[in-house]
């Protein structure tokens, strides 16, 4: 069997405190009008709010300079020149080594090649 409980006696109302609980008052609602969408879209609020900015600048994606040559050149314009110098120096080293090895190698005459000598 269920007994009906009179809530106003136990909890009170917004106007009068509780009769059963000493010093208990119902908490007041934070907003008197809880229809937030209607408040935001009202003419008074919309006239005070600045208009929506549809144009916005996107941040460009950051490129890794260790993998992207264009990003390195943007940071360090001398990188291209330095890279060319390294390539030319490497080519000169390879050429000098080849000439040095060719000078040490002896050409075999046709007589030395023959296995029947």
PDB file of N, CA and C in Angstrom:
ATOM      1  N   UNK A   1       0.838  -1.171   0.000  1.00  0.00           N
ATOM      2  CA  UNK A   1       0.000   0.000   0.000  1.00  0.00           C
ATOM      3  C   UNK A   1       0.887   1.239   0.000  1.00  0.00           C
ATOM      4  N   UNK A   2       0.564   2.151  -0.834  1.00  0.00           N
ATOM      5  CA  UNK A   2       1.353   3.359  -1.026  1.00  0.00           C
ATOM      6  C   UNK A   2       0.698   4.517  -0.283  1.00  0.00           C
ATOM      7  N   UNK A   3       1.530   5.246   0.447  1.00  0.00           N
ATOM      8  CA  UNK A   3       0.980   6.408   1.150  1.00  0.00           C
ATOM      9  C   UNK A   3       1.339   7.665   0.370  1.00  0.00           C
ATOM     10  N   UNK A   4       0.394   8.479   0.111  1.00  0.00           N
ATOM     11  CA  UNK A   4       0.714   9.717  -0.588  1.00  0.00           C
ATOM     12  C   UNK A   4       1.509  10.656   0.324  1.00  0.00           C
ATOM     13  N   UNK A   5       2.538  11.243  -0.236  1.00  0.00           N
ATOM     14  CA  UNK A   5       3.363  12.170   0.528  1.00  0.00           C
ATOM     15  C   UNK A   5       3.102  13.566  -0.011  1.00  0.00           C
ATOM     16  N   UNK A   6       2.874  14.455   0.886  1.00  0.00           N
ATOM     17  CA  UNK A   6       2.667  15.832   0.479  1.00  0.00           C
ATOM     18  C   UNK A   6       4.049  16.475   0.420  1.00  0.00           C
ATOM     19  N   UNK A   7       4.502  16.767  -0.755  1.00  0.00           N
ATOM     20  CA  UNK A   7       5.856  17.275  -0.949  1.00  0.00           C
ATOM     21  C   UNK A   7       6.048  18.675  -0.388  1.00  0.00           C
ATOM     22  N   UNK A   8       5.018  19.475  -0.410  1.00  0.00           N
ATOM     23  CA  UNK A   8       5.174  20.843   0.074  1.00  0.00           C
ATOM     24  C   UNK A   8       5.455  20.879   1.562  1.00  0.00           C
ATOM     25  N   UNK A   9       4.907  19.919   2.329  1.00  0.00           N
ATOM     26  CA  UNK A   9       5.191  19.880   3.766  1.00  0.00           C
ATOM     27  C   UNK A   9       6.653  19.510   4.009  1.00  0.00           C
ATOM     28  N   UNK A  10       7.144  18.533   3.233  1.00  0.00           N
ATOM     29  CA  UNK A  10       8.506  18.051   3.442  1.00  0.00           C
ATOM     30  C   UNK A  10       9.528  19.035   2.868  1.00  0.00           C
ATOM     31  N   UNK A  11       9.355  19.433   1.626  1.00  0.00           N
ATOM     32  CA  UNK A  11      10.363  20.249   0.944  1.00  0.00           C
ATOM     33  C   UNK A  11      10.034  21.736   0.919  1.00  0.00           C
ATOM     34  N   UNK A  12       8.807  22.084   1.104  1.00  0.00           N
ATOM     35  CA  UNK A  12       8.409  23.478   1.023  1.00  0.00           C
ATOM     36  C   UNK A  12       8.195  23.879  -0.423  1.00  0.00           C
ATOM     37  N   UNK A  13       8.085  25.172  -0.649  1.00  0.00           N
ATOM     38  CA  UNK A  13       7.931  25.680  -2.009  1.00  0.00           C
ATOM     39  C   UNK A  13       8.886  26.853  -2.190  1.00  0.00           C
ATOM     40  N   UNK A  14       8.846  27.469  -3.358  1.00  0.00           N
ATOM     41  CA  UNK A  14       9.727  28.616  -3.597  1.00  0.00           C
ATOM     42  C   UNK A  14       9.339  29.798  -2.703  1.00  0.00           C
ATOM     43  N   UNK A  15       8.070  29.841  -2.295  1.00  0.00           N
ATOM     44  CA  UNK A  15       7.587  30.964  -1.482  1.00  0.00           C
ATOM     45  C   UNK A  15       7.769  30.715   0.017  1.00  0.00           C
ATOM     46  N   UNK A  16       7.521  29.473   0.476  1.00  0.00           N
ATOM     47  CA  UNK A  16       7.559  29.173   1.915  1.00  0.00           C
ATOM     48  C   UNK A  16       8.568  28.071   2.198  1.00  0.00           C
ATOM     49  N   UNK A  17       9.285  28.131   3.342  1.00  0.00           N
ATOM     50  CA  UNK A  17      10.243  27.074   3.675  1.00  0.00           C
ATOM     51  C   UNK A  17       9.541  25.791   4.097  1.00  0.00           C
ATOM     52  N   UNK A  18      10.304  24.727   4.275  1.00  0.00           N
ATOM     53  CA  UNK A  18       9.766  23.419   4.640  1.00  0.00           C
ATOM     54  C   UNK A  18       9.228  23.441   6.061  1.00  0.00           C
ATOM     55  N   UNK A  19       8.148  22.661   6.305  1.00  0.00           N
ATOM     56  CA  UNK A  19       7.601  22.544   7.649  1.00  0.00           C
ATOM     57  C   UNK A  19       8.290  21.408   8.409  1.00  0.00           C
ATOM     58  N   UNK A  20       8.706  20.348   7.743  1.00  0.00           N
ATOM     59  CA  UNK A  20       9.298  19.179   8.382  1.00  0.00           C
ATOM     60  C   UNK A  20      10.819  19.317   8.529  1.00  0.00           C
ATOM     61  N   UNK A  21      11.475  19.876   7.528  1.00  0.00           N
ATOM     62  CA  UNK A  21      12.937  20.011   7.560  1.00  0.00           C
ATOM     63  C   UNK A  21      13.274  21.425   7.993  1.00  0.00           C
ATOM     64  N   UNK A  22      14.001  21.526   9.080  1.00  0.00           N
ATOM     65  CA  UNK A  22      14.286  22.841   9.646  1.00  0.00           C
ATOM     66  C   UNK A  22      15.299  23.591   8.764  1.00  0.00           C
ATOM     67  N   UNK A  23      14.970  24.781   8.318  1.00  0.00           N
ATOM     68  CA  UNK A  23      15.874  25.634   7.552  1.00  0.00           C
ATOM     69  C   UNK A  23      16.071  25.224   6.099  1.00  0.00           C
ATOM     70  N   UNK A  24      15.298  24.271   5.579  1.00  0.00           N
ATOM     71  CA  UNK A  24      15.464  23.829   4.190  1.00  0.00           C
ATOM     72  C   UNK A  24      14.614  24.696   3.274  1.00  0.00           C
ATOM     73  N   UNK A  25      15.252  25.239   2.250  1.00  0.00           N
ATOM     74  CA  UNK A  25      14.549  26.025   1.241  1.00  0.00           C
ATOM     75  C   UNK A  25      14.890  25.414  -0.112  1.00  0.00           C
ATOM     76  N   UNK A  26      13.901  25.281  -0.976  1.00  0.00           N
ATOM     77  CA  UNK A  26      14.146  24.733  -2.311  1.00  0.00           C
ATOM     78  C   UNK A  26      15.144  25.604  -3.062  1.00  0.00           C
ATOM     79  N   UNK A  27      16.080  24.981  -3.775  1.00  0.00           N
ATOM     80  CA  UNK A  27      17.023  25.787  -4.551  1.00  0.00           C
ATOM     81  C   UNK A  27      16.314  26.488  -5.706  1.00  0.00           C
ATOM     82  N   UNK A  28      16.668  27.732  -5.893  1.00  0.00           N
ATOM     83  CA  UNK A  28      16.051  28.512  -6.969  1.00  0.00           C
ATOM     84  C   UNK A  28      16.636  28.086  -8.310  1.00  0.00           C
ATOM     85  N   UNK A  29      15.832  28.104  -9.362  1.00  0.00           N
ATOM     86  CA  UNK A  29      16.388  27.783 -10.682  1.00  0.00           C
ATOM     87  C   UNK A  29      17.341  28.891 -11.143  1.00  0.00           C
ATOM     88  N   UNK A  30      18.371  28.502 -11.876  1.00  0.00           N
ATOM     89  CA  UNK A  30      19.371  29.471 -12.339  1.00  0.00           C
ATOM     90  C   UNK A  30      18.789  30.416 -13.386  1.00  0.00           C
ATOM     91  N   UNK A  31      17.882  29.894 -14.213  1.00  0.00           N
ATOM     92  CA  UNK A  31      17.284  30.718 -15.269  1.00  0.00           C
ATOM     93  C   UNK A  31      15.778  30.766 -15.068  1.00  0.00           C
ATOM     94  N   UNK A  32      15.217  31.949 -15.182  1.00  0.00           N
ATOM     95  CA  UNK A  32      13.765  32.053 -15.061  1.00  0.00           C
ATOM     96  C   UNK A  32      13.095  31.571 -16.345  1.00  0.00           C
ATOM     97  N   UNK A  33      13.743  31.799 -17.491  1.00  0.00           N
ATOM     98  CA  UNK A  33      13.231  31.308 -18.765  1.00  0.00           C
ATOM     99  C   UNK A  33      14.268  30.327 -19.313  1.00  0.00           C
ATOM    100  N   UNK A  34      13.961  29.049 -19.326  1.00  0.00           N
ATOM    101  CA  UNK A  34      14.932  28.020 -19.700  1.00  0.00           C
ATOM    102  C   UNK A  34      14.982  27.761 -21.199  1.00  0.00           C
ATOM    103  N   UNK A  35      14.178  28.465 -22.001  1.00  0.00           N
ATOM    104  CA  UNK A  35      14.191  28.265 -23.449  1.00  0.00           C
ATOM    105  C   UNK A  35      15.373  29.047 -24.043  1.00  0.00           C
ATOM    106  N   UNK A  36      16.548  28.430 -23.974  1.00  0.00           N
ATOM    107  CA  UNK A  36      17.790  29.103 -24.360  1.00  0.00           C
ATOM    108  C   UNK A  36      17.820  29.444 -25.851  1.00  0.00           C
ATOM    109  N   UNK A  37      17.316  28.549 -26.692  1.00  0.00           N
ATOM    110  CA  UNK A  37      17.299  28.807 -28.135  1.00  0.00           C
ATOM    111  C   UNK A  37      16.485  30.036 -28.481  1.00  0.00           C
ATOM    112  N   UNK A  38      15.366  30.187 -27.804  1.00  0.00           N
ATOM    113  CA  UNK A  38      14.511  31.345 -28.066  1.00  0.00           C
ATOM    114  C   UNK A  38      15.178  32.637 -27.590  1.00  0.00           C
ATOM    115  N   UNK A  39      15.884  32.548 -26.467  1.00  0.00           N
ATOM    116  CA  UNK A  39      16.578  33.730 -25.943  1.00  0.00           C
ATOM    117  C   UNK A  39      17.694  34.149 -26.898  1.00  0.00           C
ATOM    118  N   UNK A  40      18.496  33.179 -27.344  1.00  0.00           N
ATOM    119  CA  UNK A  40      19.630  33.490 -28.225  1.00  0.00           C
ATOM    120  C   UNK A  40      19.156  34.066 -29.550  1.00  0.00           C
ATOM    121  N   UNK A  41      18.082  33.519 -30.089  1.00  0.00           N
ATOM    122  CA  UNK A  41      17.594  33.970 -31.395  1.00  0.00           C
ATOM    123  C   UNK A  41      16.690  35.200 -31.316  1.00  0.00           C
ATOM    124  N   UNK A  42      16.508  35.742 -30.124  1.00  0.00           N
ATOM    125  CA  UNK A  42      15.646  36.925 -30.003  1.00  0.00           C
ATOM    126  C   UNK A  42      16.328  38.138 -30.647  1.00  0.00           C
ATOM    127  N   UNK A  43      15.530  39.113 -31.041  1.00  0.00           N
ATOM    128  CA  UNK A  43      16.047  40.306 -31.722  1.00  0.00           C
ATOM    129  C   UNK A  43      16.968  41.117 -30.810  1.00  0.00           C
ATOM    130  N   UNK A  44      16.655  41.173 -29.505  1.00  0.00           N
ATOM    131  CA  UNK A  44      17.465  41.964 -28.569  1.00  0.00           C
ATOM    132  C   UNK A  44      18.883  41.407 -28.478  1.00  0.00           C
ATOM    133  N   UNK A  45      18.998  40.084 -28.377  1.00  0.00           N
ATOM    134  CA  UNK A  45      20.321  39.465 -28.253  1.00  0.00           C
ATOM    135  C   UNK A  45      21.058  39.535 -29.584  1.00  0.00           C
ATOM    136  N   UNK A  46      20.384  39.248 -30.684  1.00  0.00           N
ATOM    137  CA  UNK A  46      21.032  39.242 -31.997  1.00  0.00           C
ATOM    138  C   UNK A  46      21.513  40.637 -32.407  1.00  0.00           C
ATOM    139  N   UNK A  47      20.837  41.681 -31.943  1.00  0.00           N
ATOM    140  CA  UNK A  47      21.290  43.035 -32.276  1.00  0.00           C
ATOM    141  C   UNK A  47      22.564  43.391 -31.499  1.00  0.00           C
ATOM    142  N   UNK A  48      22.763  42.777 -30.334  1.00  0.00           N
ATOM    143  CA  UNK A  48      23.948  43.072 -29.523  1.00  0.00           C
ATOM    144  C   UNK A  48      25.148  42.207 -29.910  1.00  0.00           C
ATOM    145  N   UNK A  49      24.894  41.056 -30.516  1.00  0.00           N
ATOM    146  CA  UNK A  49      25.975  40.126 -30.868  1.00  0.00           C
ATOM    147  C   UNK A  49      26.568  40.533 -32.208  1.00  0.00           C
ATOM    148  N   UNK A  50      27.896  40.435 -32.330  1.00  0.00           N
ATOM    149  CA  UNK A  50      28.515  40.781 -33.613  1.00  0.00           C
ATOM    150  C   UNK A  50      28.179  39.708 -34.653  1.00  0.00           C
ATOM    151  N   UNK A  51      28.116  40.073 -35.936  1.00  0.00           N
ATOM    152  CA  UNK A  51      27.697  39.117 -36.966  1.00  0.00           C
ATOM    153  C   UNK A  51      28.704  37.981 -37.144  1.00  0.00           C
ATOM    154  N   UNK A  52      28.208  36.863 -37.628  1.00  0.00           N
ATOM    155  CA  UNK A  52      29.033  35.682 -37.852  1.00  0.00           C
ATOM    156  C   UNK A  52      30.012  35.949 -38.988  1.00  0.00           C
ATOM    157  N   UNK A  53      31.276  35.666 -38.754  1.00  0.00           N
ATOM    158  CA  UNK A  53      32.309  35.863 -39.767  1.00  0.00           C
ATOM    159  C   UNK A  53      32.452  34.570 -40.568  1.00  0.00           C
ATOM    160  N   UNK A  54      31.972  34.566 -41.799  1.00  0.00           N
ATOM    161  CA  UNK A  54      32.009  33.356 -42.619  1.00  0.00           C
ATOM    162  C   UNK A  54      33.385  33.120 -43.217  1.00  0.00           C
ATOM    163  N   UNK A  55      34.149  34.190 -43.410  1.00  0.00           N
ATOM    164  CA  UNK A  55      35.481  34.049 -43.995  1.00  0.00           C
ATOM    165  C   UNK A  55      36.497  33.908 -42.868  1.00  0.00           C
ATOM    166  N   UNK A  56      37.213  32.811 -42.873  1.00  0.00           N
ATOM    167  CA  UNK A  56      38.264  32.638 -41.887  1.00  0.00           C
ATOM    168  C   UNK A  56      39.474  32.034 -42.567  1.00  0.00           C
ATOM    169  N   UNK A  57      40.626  32.347 -42.042  1.00  0.00           N
ATOM    170  CA  UNK A  57      41.876  31.906 -42.645  1.00  0.00           C
ATOM    171  C   UNK A  57      42.282  30.577 -42.022  1.00  0.00           C
ATOM    172  N   UNK A  58      42.440  29.585 -42.867  1.00  0.00           N
ATOM    173  CA  UNK A  58      42.896  28.288 -42.370  1.00  0.00           C
ATOM    174  C   UNK A  58      44.401  28.332 -42.175  1.00  0.00           C
ATOM    175  N   UNK A  59      44.860  27.653 -41.161  1.00  0.00           N
ATOM    176  CA  UNK A  59      46.289  27.561 -40.908  1.00  0.00           C
ATOM    177  C   UNK A  59      46.869  26.554 -41.885  1.00  0.00           C
ATOM    178  N   UNK A  60      47.970  26.923 -42.533  1.00  0.00           N
ATOM    179  CA  UNK A  60      48.548  26.006 -43.511  1.00  0.00           C
ATOM    180  C   UNK A  60      49.259  24.870 -42.794  1.00  0.00           C
ATOM    181  N   UNK A  61      49.255  23.702 -43.425  1.00  0.00           N
ATOM    182  CA  UNK A  61      49.836  22.515 -42.810  1.00  0.00           C
ATOM    183  C   UNK A  61      51.345  22.661 -42.723  1.00  0.00           C
ATOM    184  N   UNK A  62      51.892  22.343 -41.569  1.00  0.00           N
ATOM    185  CA  UNK A  62      53.331  22.464 -41.354  1.00  0.00           C
ATOM    186  C   UNK A  62      54.039  21.325 -42.069  1.00  0.00           C
ATOM    187  N   UNK A  63      55.083  21.672 -42.813  1.00  0.00           N
ATOM    188  CA  UNK A  63      55.856  20.673 -43.547  1.00  0.00           C
ATOM    189  C   UNK A  63      57.128  20.368 -42.761  1.00  0.00           C
ATOM    190  N   UNK A  64      57.557  19.120 -42.818  1.00  0.00           N
ATOM    191  CA  UNK A  64      58.763  18.696 -42.113  1.00  0.00           C
ATOM    192  C   UNK A  64      59.981  19.056 -42.954  1.00  0.00           C
ATOM    193  N   UNK A  65      60.856  19.961 -42.479  1.00  0.00           N
ATOM    194  CA  UNK A  65      62.012  20.365 -43.286  1.00  0.00           C
ATOM    195  C   UNK A  65      63.039  19.253 -43.478  1.00  0.00           C
ATOM    196  N   UNK A  66      62.992  18.220 -42.641  1.00  0.00           N
ATOM    197  CA  UNK A  66      63.939  17.116 -42.815  1.00  0.00           C
ATOM    198  C   UNK A  66      63.548  16.228 -43.994  1.00  0.00           C
ATOM    199  N   UNK A  67      62.281  16.286 -44.395  1.00  0.00           N
ATOM    200  CA  UNK A  67      61.809  15.442 -45.495  1.00  0.00           C
ATOM    201  C   UNK A  67      61.404  16.245 -46.726  1.00  0.00           C
ATOM    202  N   UNK A  68      61.123  17.525 -46.561  1.00  0.00           N
ATOM    203  CA  UNK A  68      60.597  18.342 -47.644  1.00  0.00           C
ATOM    204  C   UNK A  68      61.625  19.417 -48.011  1.00  0.00           C
ATOM    205  N   UNK A  69      62.160  19.340 -49.232  1.00  0.00           N
ATOM    206  CA  UNK A  69      63.216  20.259 -49.672  1.00  0.00           C
ATOM    207  C   UNK A  69      62.686  21.690 -49.757  1.00  0.00           C
ATOM    208  N   UNK A  70      61.457  21.864 -50.214  1.00  0.00           N
ATOM    209  CA  UNK A  70      60.894  23.217 -50.322  1.00  0.00           C
ATOM    210  C   UNK A  70      60.801  23.878 -48.948  1.00  0.00           C
ATOM    211  N   UNK A  71      60.476  23.091 -47.926  1.00  0.00           N
ATOM    212  CA  UNK A  71      60.393  23.642 -46.569  1.00  0.00           C
ATOM    213  C   UNK A  71      61.770  24.053 -46.063  1.00  0.00           C
ATOM    214  N   UNK A  72      62.813  23.271 -46.400  1.00  0.00           N
ATOM    215  CA  UNK A  72      64.179  23.625 -45.986  1.00  0.00           C
ATOM    216  C   UNK A  72      64.602  24.909 -46.684  1.00  0.00           C
ATOM    217  N   UNK A  73      64.328  25.009 -47.987  1.00  0.00           N
ATOM    218  CA  UNK A  73      64.720  26.203 -48.744  1.00  0.00           C
ATOM    219  C   UNK A  73      64.012  27.451 -48.223  1.00  0.00           C
ATOM    220  N   UNK A  74      62.805  27.281 -47.715  1.00  0.00           N
ATOM    221  CA  UNK A  74      62.085  28.415 -47.146  1.00  0.00           C
ATOM    222  C   UNK A  74      62.767  28.874 -45.853  1.00  0.00           C
ATOM    223  N   UNK A  75      63.243  27.907 -45.062  1.00  0.00           N
ATOM    224  CA  UNK A  75      63.929  28.246 -43.814  1.00  0.00           C
ATOM    225  C   UNK A  75      65.358  28.718 -44.068  1.00  0.00           C
ATOM    226  N   UNK A  76      66.058  28.030 -44.998  1.00  0.00           N
ATOM    227  CA  UNK A  76      67.474  28.304 -45.233  1.00  0.00           C
ATOM    228  C   UNK A  76      67.725  28.378 -46.736  1.00  0.00           C
ATOM    229  N   UNK A  77      67.714  29.568 -47.328  1.00  0.00           N
ATOM    230  CA  UNK A  77      67.903  29.703 -48.773  1.00  0.00           C
ATOM    231  C   UNK A  77      69.281  29.228 -49.250  1.00  0.00           C
ATOM    232  N   UNK A  78      70.277  29.194 -48.382  1.00  0.00           N
ATOM    233  CA  UNK A  78      71.625  28.756 -48.758  1.00  0.00           C
ATOM    234  C   UNK A  78      71.699  27.240 -48.941  1.00  0.00           C
ATOM    235  N   UNK A  79      70.695  26.516 -48.486  1.00  0.00           N
ATOM    236  CA  UNK A  79      70.713  25.051 -48.546  1.00  0.00           C
ATOM    237  C   UNK A  79      70.892  24.540 -49.975  1.00  0.00           C
ATOM    238  N   UNK A  80      70.247  25.178 -50.948  1.00  0.00           N
ATOM    239  CA  UNK A  80      70.361  24.747 -52.347  1.00  0.00           C
ATOM    240  C   UNK A  80      71.784  24.869 -52.856  1.00  0.00           C
ATOM    241  N   UNK A  81      72.435  25.988 -52.564  1.00  0.00           N
ATOM    242  CA  UNK A  81      73.825  26.201 -52.987  1.00  0.00           C
ATOM    243  C   UNK A  81      74.749  25.199 -52.306  1.00  0.00           C
ATOM    244  N   UNK A  82      74.557  25.007 -51.013  1.00  0.00           N
ATOM    245  CA  UNK A  82      75.401  24.070 -50.265  1.00  0.00           C
ATOM    246  C   UNK A  82      75.232  22.652 -50.798  1.00  0.00           C
ATOM    247  N   UNK A  83      74.017  22.309 -51.146  1.00  0.00           N
ATOM    248  CA  UNK A  83      73.748  20.967 -51.675  1.00  0.00           C
ATOM    249  C   UNK A  83      74.453  20.764 -53.020  1.00  0.00           C
ATOM    250  N   UNK A  84      74.422  21.799 -53.889  1.00  0.00           N
ATOM    251  CA  UNK A  84      75.116  21.714 -55.183  1.00  0.00           C
ATOM    252  C   UNK A  84      76.615  21.565 -54.978  1.00  0.00           C
ATOM    253  N   UNK A  85      77.158  22.318 -54.013  1.00  0.00           N
ATOM    254  CA  UNK A  85      78.594  22.241 -53.739  1.00  0.00           C
ATOM    255  C   UNK A  85      78.989  20.846 -53.259  1.00  0.00           C
ATOM    256  N   UNK A  86      78.170  20.242 -52.417  1.00  0.00           N
ATOM    257  CA  UNK A  86      78.449  18.884 -51.929  1.00  0.00           C
ATOM    258  C   UNK A  86      78.404  17.901 -53.086  1.00  0.00           C
ATOM    259  N   UNK A  87      77.427  18.042 -53.977  1.00  0.00           N
ATOM    260  CA  UNK A  87      77.304  17.145 -55.131  1.00  0.00           C
ATOM    261  C   UNK A  87      78.509  17.284 -56.058  1.00  0.00           C
ATOM    262  N   UNK A  88      78.934  18.518 -56.325  1.00  0.00           N
ATOM    263  CA  UNK A  88      80.099  18.739 -57.190  1.00  0.00           C
ATOM    264  C   UNK A  88      81.376  18.196 -56.553  1.00  0.00           C
ATOM    265  N   UNK A  89      81.533  18.386 -55.249  1.00  0.00           N
ATOM    266  CA  UNK A  89      82.721  17.875 -54.553  1.00  0.00           C
ATOM    267  C   UNK A  89      82.748  16.350 -54.588  1.00  0.00           C
ATOM    268  N   UNK A  90      81.592  15.736 -54.430  1.00  0.00           N
ATOM    269  CA  UNK A  90      81.513  14.272 -54.475  1.00  0.00           C
ATOM    270  C   UNK A  90      81.868  13.760 -55.868  1.00  0.00           C
ATOM    271  N   UNK A  91      81.370  14.434 -56.906  1.00  0.00           N
ATOM    272  CA  UNK A  91      81.690  14.031 -58.280  1.00  0.00           C
ATOM    273  C   UNK A  91      83.188  14.172 -58.541  1.00  0.00           C
ATOM    274  N   UNK A  92      83.805  15.240 -58.034  1.00  0.00           N
ATOM    275  CA  UNK A  92      85.249  15.434 -58.215  1.00  0.00           C
ATOM    276  C   UNK A  92      86.038  14.340 -57.492  1.00  0.00           C
ATOM    277  N   UNK A  93      85.597  13.962 -56.284  1.00  0.00           N
ATOM    278  CA  UNK A  93      86.265  12.887 -55.540  1.00  0.00           C
ATOM    279  C   UNK A  93      86.187  11.564 -56.285  1.00  0.00           C
ATOM    280  N   UNK A  94      85.011  11.262 -56.830  1.00  0.00           N
ATOM    281  CA  UNK A  94      84.830  10.006 -57.572  1.00  0.00           C
ATOM    282  C   UNK A  94      85.722   9.991 -58.807  1.00  0.00           C
ATOM    283  N   UNK A  95      85.781  11.121 -59.511  1.00  0.00           N
ATOM    284  CA  UNK A  95      86.603  11.209 -60.723  1.00  0.00           C
ATOM    285  C   UNK A  95      88.090  11.051 -60.383  1.00  0.00           C
ATOM    286  N   UNK A  96      88.545  11.722 -59.319  1.00  0.00           N
ATOM    287  CA  UNK A  96      89.954  11.636 -58.914  1.00  0.00           C
ATOM    288  C   UNK A  96      90.310  10.209 -58.493  1.00  0.00           C
ATOM    289  N   UNK A  97      89.418   9.557 -57.770  1.00  0.00           N
ATOM    290  CA  UNK A  97      89.675   8.176 -57.329  1.00  0.00           C
ATOM    291  C   UNK A  97      89.765   7.242 -58.525  1.00  0.00           C
ATOM    292  N   UNK A  98      88.870   7.440 -59.498  1.00  0.00           N
ATOM    293  CA  UNK A  98      88.876   6.593 -60.692  1.00  0.00           C
ATOM    294  C   UNK A  98      90.184   6.772 -61.469  1.00  0.00           C
ATOM    295  N   UNK A  99      90.618   8.037 -61.625  1.00  0.00           N
ATOM    296  CA  UNK A  99      91.877   8.290 -62.343  1.00  0.00           C
ATOM    297  C   UNK A  99      93.068   7.678 -61.604  1.00  0.00           C
ATOM    298  N   UNK A 100      93.063   7.773 -60.280  1.00  0.00           N
ATOM    299  CA  UNK A 100      94.160   7.221 -59.486  1.00  0.00           C
ATOM    300  C   UNK A 100      94.220   5.700 -59.627  1.00  0.00           C
ATOM    301  N   UNK A 101      93.039   5.064 -59.560  1.00  0.00           N
ATOM    302  CA  UNK A 101      93.000   3.603 -59.696  1.00  0.00           C
ATOM    303  C   UNK A 101      93.378   3.173 -61.108  1.00  0.00           C
ATOM    304  N   UNK A 102      92.950   3.922 -62.123  1.00  0.00           N
ATOM    305  CA  UNK A 102      93.297   3.586 -63.509  1.00  0.00           C
ATOM    306  C   UNK A 102      94.804   3.703 -63.752  1.00  0.00           C
ATOM    307  N   UNK A 103      95.436   4.673 -63.093  1.00  0.00           N
ATOM    308  CA  UNK A 103      96.886   4.816 -63.276  1.00  0.00           C
ATOM    309  C   UNK A 103      97.648   3.660 -62.612  1.00  0.00           C
ATOM    310  N   UNK A 104      97.100   3.094 -61.545  1.00  0.00           N
ATOM    311  CA  UNK A 104      97.759   1.975 -60.861  1.00  0.00           C
ATOM    312  C   UNK A 104      97.560   0.655 -61.601  1.00  0.00           C
ATOM    313  N   UNK A 105      96.461   0.547 -62.307  1.00  0.00           N
ATOM    314  CA  UNK A 105      96.172  -0.698 -63.026  1.00  0.00           C
ATOM    315  C   UNK A 105      97.056  -0.777 -64.270  1.00  0.00           C
ATOM    316  N   UNK A 106      97.530  -1.992 -64.550  1.00  0.00           N
ATOM    317  CA  UNK A 106      98.338  -2.187 -65.758  1.00  0.00           C
ATOM    318  C   UNK A 106      97.489  -2.879 -66.802  1.00  0.00           C
ATOM    319  N   UNK A 107      97.697  -2.486 -68.018  1.00  0.00           N
ATOM    320  CA  UNK A 107      96.974  -3.121 -69.116  1.00  0.00           C
ATOM    321  C   UNK A 107      97.696  -4.426 -69.468  1.00  0.00           C
ATOM    322  N   UNK A 108      96.949  -5.473 -69.620  1.00  0.00           N
ATOM    323  CA  UNK A 108      97.539  -6.765 -69.990  1.00  0.00           C
ATOM    324  C   UNK A 108      97.684  -6.854 -71.503  1.00  0.00           C
ATOM    325  N   UNK A 109      98.827  -7.297 -71.930  1.00  0.00           N
ATOM    326  CA  UNK A 109      99.036  -7.471 -73.372  1.00  0.00           C
ATOM    327  C   UNK A 109      98.388  -8.782 -73.802  1.00  0.00           C
ATOM    328  N   UNK A 110      98.116  -8.968 -75.107  1.00  0.00           N
ATOM    329  CA  UNK A 110      97.483 -10.204 -75.572  1.00  0.00           C
ATOM    330  C   UNK A 110      98.332 -11.433 -75.280  1.00  0.00           C
ATOM    331  N   UNK A 111      99.596 -11.290 -75.160  1.00  0.00           N
ATOM    332  CA  UNK A 111     100.474 -12.434 -74.885  1.00  0.00           C
ATOM    333  C   UNK A 111     100.262 -12.921 -73.459  1.00  0.00           C
ATOM    334  N   UNK A 112     100.093 -12.009 -72.533  1.00  0.00           N
ATOM    335  CA  UNK A 112      99.907 -12.384 -71.136  1.00  0.00           C
ATOM    336  C   UNK A 112      98.550 -13.025 -70.902  1.00  0.00           C
ATOM    337  N   UNK A 113      97.586 -12.732 -71.743  1.00  0.00           N
ATOM    338  CA  UNK A 113      96.239 -13.255 -71.562  1.00  0.00           C
ATOM    339  C   UNK A 113      96.163 -14.713 -72.003  1.00  0.00           C
ATOM    340  N   UNK A 114      96.956 -15.118 -72.960  1.00  0.00           N
ATOM    341  CA  UNK A 114      96.863 -16.457 -73.530  1.00  0.00           C
ATOM    342  C   UNK A 114      97.212 -17.518 -72.484  1.00  0.00           C
ATOM    343  N   UNK A 115      96.378 -18.553 -72.335  1.00  0.00           N
ATOM    344  CA  UNK A 115      96.651 -19.598 -71.340  1.00  0.00           C
ATOM    345  C   UNK A 115      97.677 -20.633 -71.832  1.00  0.00           C
ATOM    346  N   UNK A 116      98.062 -20.621 -73.116  1.00  0.00           N
ATOM    347  CA  UNK A 116      98.951 -21.643 -73.672  1.00  0.00           C
ATOM    348  C   UNK A 116     100.409 -21.225 -73.666  1.00  0.00           C
ATOM    349  N   UNK A 117     100.794 -20.203 -72.998  1.00  0.00           N
ATOM    350  CA  UNK A 117     102.195 -19.759 -72.974  1.00  0.00           C
ATOM    351  C   UNK A 117     103.006 -20.543 -72.002  1.00  0.00           C
TER     352      UNK A 117
END
